[in-house]
Amino acid sequence: MSQTPTGRPEKLIHMANQIASFFKTYPHDVAVPGIADHLRKFWGRDMRARILAHLDRGGDGLDPVVVEALGRLRER
């Protein structure tokens, strides 16, 4: 399974962390669902599957708020 066009998760990690950076000024209870909603609406199913697989392998490099948002995304 290819994780990104380059075969590494770094680009997805970077993108997810950029979304988290946008939400840094928001309260936590707004940021987490906002990140999850953004990933659900604007990332393709394959991108979401790859970032969730990275999380399952330990999630190295992911911002903690992204980890929490991915947990919510997975619940849906």
N, C-alpha and C. Protein backbone atom coordinates (compact mmCIF):
# COMPACT_ATOMS: atom_id res chain seq x y z
N MET A 1 0.85 -1.18 0.00
CA MET A 1 0.00 0.00 0.00
C MET A 1 0.89 1.23 0.00
N SER A 2 0.73 2.07 -0.99
CA SER A 2 1.48 3.31 -1.04
C SER A 2 0.89 4.30 -0.06
N GLN A 3 1.75 5.00 0.69
CA GLN A 3 1.25 5.92 1.70
C GLN A 3 1.10 7.33 1.18
N THR A 4 1.89 7.75 0.26
CA THR A 4 1.82 9.04 -0.40
C THR A 4 2.41 8.85 -1.77
N PRO A 5 2.34 9.85 -2.61
CA PRO A 5 2.98 9.68 -3.92
C PRO A 5 4.45 9.32 -3.81
N THR A 6 5.13 9.71 -2.73
CA THR A 6 6.53 9.37 -2.57
C THR A 6 6.70 8.08 -1.76
N GLY A 7 5.59 7.49 -1.28
CA GLY A 7 5.67 6.26 -0.52
C GLY A 7 5.94 6.45 0.96
N ARG A 8 5.96 7.70 1.44
CA ARG A 8 6.24 7.97 2.85
C ARG A 8 5.09 8.79 3.43
N PRO A 9 4.84 8.67 4.74
CA PRO A 9 3.72 9.41 5.33
C PRO A 9 4.04 10.87 5.67
N GLU A 10 5.25 11.32 5.46
CA GLU A 10 5.64 12.67 5.90
C GLU A 10 4.74 13.76 5.37
N LYS A 11 4.35 13.67 4.11
CA LYS A 11 3.50 14.72 3.52
C LYS A 11 2.14 14.75 4.21
N LEU A 12 1.56 13.60 4.46
CA LEU A 12 0.27 13.57 5.16
C LEU A 12 0.39 14.09 6.59
N ILE A 13 1.48 13.73 7.25
CA ILE A 13 1.72 14.21 8.62
C ILE A 13 1.83 15.73 8.59
N HIS A 14 2.62 16.24 7.66
CA HIS A 14 2.80 17.69 7.53
C HIS A 14 1.46 18.38 7.27
N MET A 15 0.68 17.85 6.37
CA MET A 15 -0.61 18.44 6.04
C MET A 15 -1.55 18.43 7.25
N ALA A 16 -1.62 17.31 7.94
CA ALA A 16 -2.49 17.21 9.12
C ALA A 16 -2.04 18.19 10.20
N ASN A 17 -0.75 18.29 10.40
CA ASN A 17 -0.23 19.22 11.41
C ASN A 17 -0.47 20.68 11.00
N GLN A 18 -0.49 20.97 9.71
CA GLN A 18 -0.81 22.33 9.26
C GLN A 18 -2.26 22.67 9.60
N ILE A 19 -3.14 21.72 9.43
CA ILE A 19 -4.55 21.93 9.80
C ILE A 19 -4.64 22.21 11.30
N ALA A 20 -3.91 21.43 12.09
CA ALA A 20 -3.89 21.66 13.54
C ALA A 20 -3.36 23.04 13.87
N SER A 21 -2.35 23.49 13.14
CA SER A 21 -1.79 24.83 13.37
C SER A 21 -2.84 25.91 13.14
N PHE A 22 -3.65 25.73 12.13
CA PHE A 22 -4.73 26.69 11.87
C PHE A 22 -5.67 26.78 13.07
N PHE A 23 -5.96 25.64 13.69
CA PHE A 23 -6.91 25.58 14.79
C PHE A 23 -6.30 25.89 16.16
N LYS A 24 -5.00 26.19 16.23
CA LYS A 24 -4.34 26.44 17.52
C LYS A 24 -4.99 27.58 18.31
N THR A 25 -5.56 28.56 17.63
CA THR A 25 -6.16 29.70 18.33
C THR A 25 -7.59 29.42 18.79
N TYR A 26 -8.13 28.28 18.41
CA TYR A 26 -9.49 27.91 18.79
C TYR A 26 -9.47 27.14 20.10
N PRO A 27 -10.56 27.19 20.85
CA PRO A 27 -10.64 26.34 22.05
C PRO A 27 -10.53 24.86 21.64
N HIS A 28 -9.97 24.06 22.53
CA HIS A 28 -9.75 22.64 22.25
C HIS A 28 -11.03 21.94 21.80
N ASP A 29 -12.16 22.27 22.46
CA ASP A 29 -13.42 21.60 22.13
C ASP A 29 -13.98 22.03 20.77
N VAL A 30 -13.41 23.04 20.17
CA VAL A 30 -13.76 23.45 18.81
C VAL A 30 -12.72 22.92 17.82
N ALA A 31 -11.46 22.94 18.24
CA ALA A 31 -10.36 22.54 17.35
C ALA A 31 -10.44 21.07 16.95
N VAL A 32 -10.64 20.20 17.92
CA VAL A 32 -10.63 18.76 17.63
C VAL A 32 -11.71 18.38 16.62
N PRO A 33 -12.99 18.75 16.86
CA PRO A 33 -13.98 18.41 15.83
C PRO A 33 -13.77 19.17 14.52
N GLY A 34 -13.19 20.37 14.59
CA GLY A 34 -12.91 21.11 13.36
C GLY A 34 -11.88 20.41 12.49
N ILE A 35 -10.85 19.89 13.12
CA ILE A 35 -9.83 19.15 12.38
C ILE A 35 -10.43 17.88 11.79
N ALA A 36 -11.18 17.15 12.60
CA ALA A 36 -11.81 15.91 12.12
C ALA A 36 -12.75 16.21 10.95
N ASP A 37 -13.52 17.29 11.07
CA ASP A 37 -14.46 17.66 10.00
C ASP A 37 -13.70 18.02 8.72
N HIS A 38 -12.61 18.77 8.87
CA HIS A 38 -11.81 19.13 7.69
C HIS A 38 -11.27 17.87 7.00
N LEU A 39 -10.74 16.95 7.78
CA LEU A 39 -10.20 15.71 7.20
C LEU A 39 -11.30 14.91 6.51
N ARG A 40 -12.47 14.88 7.10
CA ARG A 40 -13.60 14.13 6.52
C ARG A 40 -14.06 14.77 5.22
N LYS A 41 -14.14 16.11 5.20
CA LYS A 41 -14.68 16.81 4.03
C LYS A 41 -13.69 16.96 2.88
N PHE A 42 -12.41 17.19 3.20
CA PHE A 42 -11.47 17.60 2.16
C PHE A 42 -10.37 16.60 1.83
N TRP A 43 -10.22 15.56 2.63
CA TRP A 43 -9.24 14.52 2.32
C TRP A 43 -9.98 13.35 1.69
N GLY A 44 -9.36 12.77 0.69
CA GLY A 44 -9.95 11.59 0.06
C GLY A 44 -9.91 10.40 1.01
N ARG A 45 -10.75 9.44 0.71
CA ARG A 45 -10.84 8.24 1.54
C ARG A 45 -9.48 7.55 1.69
N ASP A 46 -8.72 7.51 0.61
CA ASP A 46 -7.40 6.86 0.66
C ASP A 46 -6.43 7.64 1.56
N MET A 47 -6.49 8.96 1.52
CA MET A 47 -5.62 9.76 2.39
C MET A 47 -5.99 9.52 3.86
N ARG A 48 -7.29 9.51 4.15
CA ARG A 48 -7.72 9.26 5.53
C ARG A 48 -7.29 7.86 5.98
N ALA A 49 -7.42 6.89 5.10
CA ALA A 49 -7.02 5.53 5.46
C ALA A 49 -5.53 5.46 5.74
N ARG A 50 -4.72 6.18 4.95
CA ARG A 50 -3.27 6.14 5.14
C ARG A 50 -2.85 6.84 6.44
N ILE A 51 -3.49 7.97 6.77
CA ILE A 51 -3.10 8.66 8.01
C ILE A 51 -3.57 7.86 9.22
N LEU A 52 -4.71 7.18 9.11
CA LEU A 52 -5.17 6.32 10.20
C LEU A 52 -4.25 5.11 10.35
N ALA A 53 -3.76 4.58 9.24
CA ALA A 53 -2.80 3.47 9.32
C ALA A 53 -1.51 3.94 9.98
N HIS A 54 -1.09 5.15 9.68
CA HIS A 54 0.10 5.70 10.33
C HIS A 54 -0.15 5.84 11.83
N LEU A 55 -1.33 6.30 12.20
CA LEU A 55 -1.68 6.40 13.61
C LEU A 55 -1.62 5.03 14.27
N ASP A 56 -2.12 4.01 13.59
CA ASP A 56 -2.09 2.64 14.14
C ASP A 56 -0.67 2.14 14.34
N ARG A 57 0.27 2.67 13.57
CA ARG A 57 1.68 2.29 13.71
C ARG A 57 2.41 3.16 14.74
N GLY A 58 1.66 3.97 15.47
CA GLY A 58 2.26 4.80 16.51
C GLY A 58 2.06 6.28 16.32
N GLY A 59 1.79 6.71 15.11
CA GLY A 59 1.49 8.10 14.84
C GLY A 59 2.65 9.06 15.00
N ASP A 60 3.88 8.57 14.84
CA ASP A 60 5.06 9.44 14.99
C ASP A 60 4.91 10.72 14.18
N GLY A 61 5.19 11.85 14.83
CA GLY A 61 5.19 13.13 14.16
C GLY A 61 3.86 13.86 14.16
N LEU A 62 2.79 13.19 14.54
CA LEU A 62 1.49 13.84 14.54
C LEU A 62 1.30 14.69 15.80
N ASP A 63 0.77 15.88 15.60
CA ASP A 63 0.41 16.75 16.71
C ASP A 63 -0.63 16.02 17.57
N PRO A 64 -0.55 16.12 18.89
CA PRO A 64 -1.52 15.43 19.76
C PRO A 64 -2.98 15.77 19.45
N VAL A 65 -3.25 17.00 19.05
CA VAL A 65 -4.63 17.35 18.72
C VAL A 65 -5.08 16.65 17.43
N VAL A 66 -4.16 16.39 16.52
CA VAL A 66 -4.48 15.62 15.31
C VAL A 66 -4.79 14.18 15.70
N VAL A 67 -4.02 13.62 16.62
CA VAL A 67 -4.28 12.25 17.09
C VAL A 67 -5.69 12.16 17.65
N GLU A 68 -6.07 13.14 18.45
CA GLU A 68 -7.42 13.15 19.03
C GLU A 68 -8.48 13.29 17.95
N ALA A 69 -8.24 14.17 16.98
CA ALA A 69 -9.19 14.35 15.88
C ALA A 69 -9.32 13.08 15.05
N LEU A 70 -8.22 12.38 14.84
CA LEU A 70 -8.29 11.13 14.08
C LEU A 70 -9.11 10.09 14.83
N GLY A 71 -9.02 10.09 16.15
CA GLY A 71 -9.86 9.19 16.94
C GLY A 71 -11.34 9.49 16.72
N ARG A 72 -11.68 10.76 16.68
CA ARG A 72 -13.08 11.14 16.42
C ARG A 72 -13.48 10.76 15.01
N LEU A 73 -12.59 10.99 14.06
CA LEU A 73 -12.87 10.65 12.67
C LEU A 73 -13.14 9.16 12.55
N ARG A 74 -12.36 8.37 13.25
CA ARG A 74 -12.52 6.92 13.19
C ARG A 74 -13.86 6.48 13.79
N GLU A 75 -14.33 7.20 14.80
CA GLU A 75 -15.60 6.85 15.45
C GLU A 75 -16.79 6.99 14.50
N ARG A 76 -16.67 7.88 13.53
CA ARG A 76 -17.82 8.13 12.64
C ARG A 76 -18.03 7.01 11.72
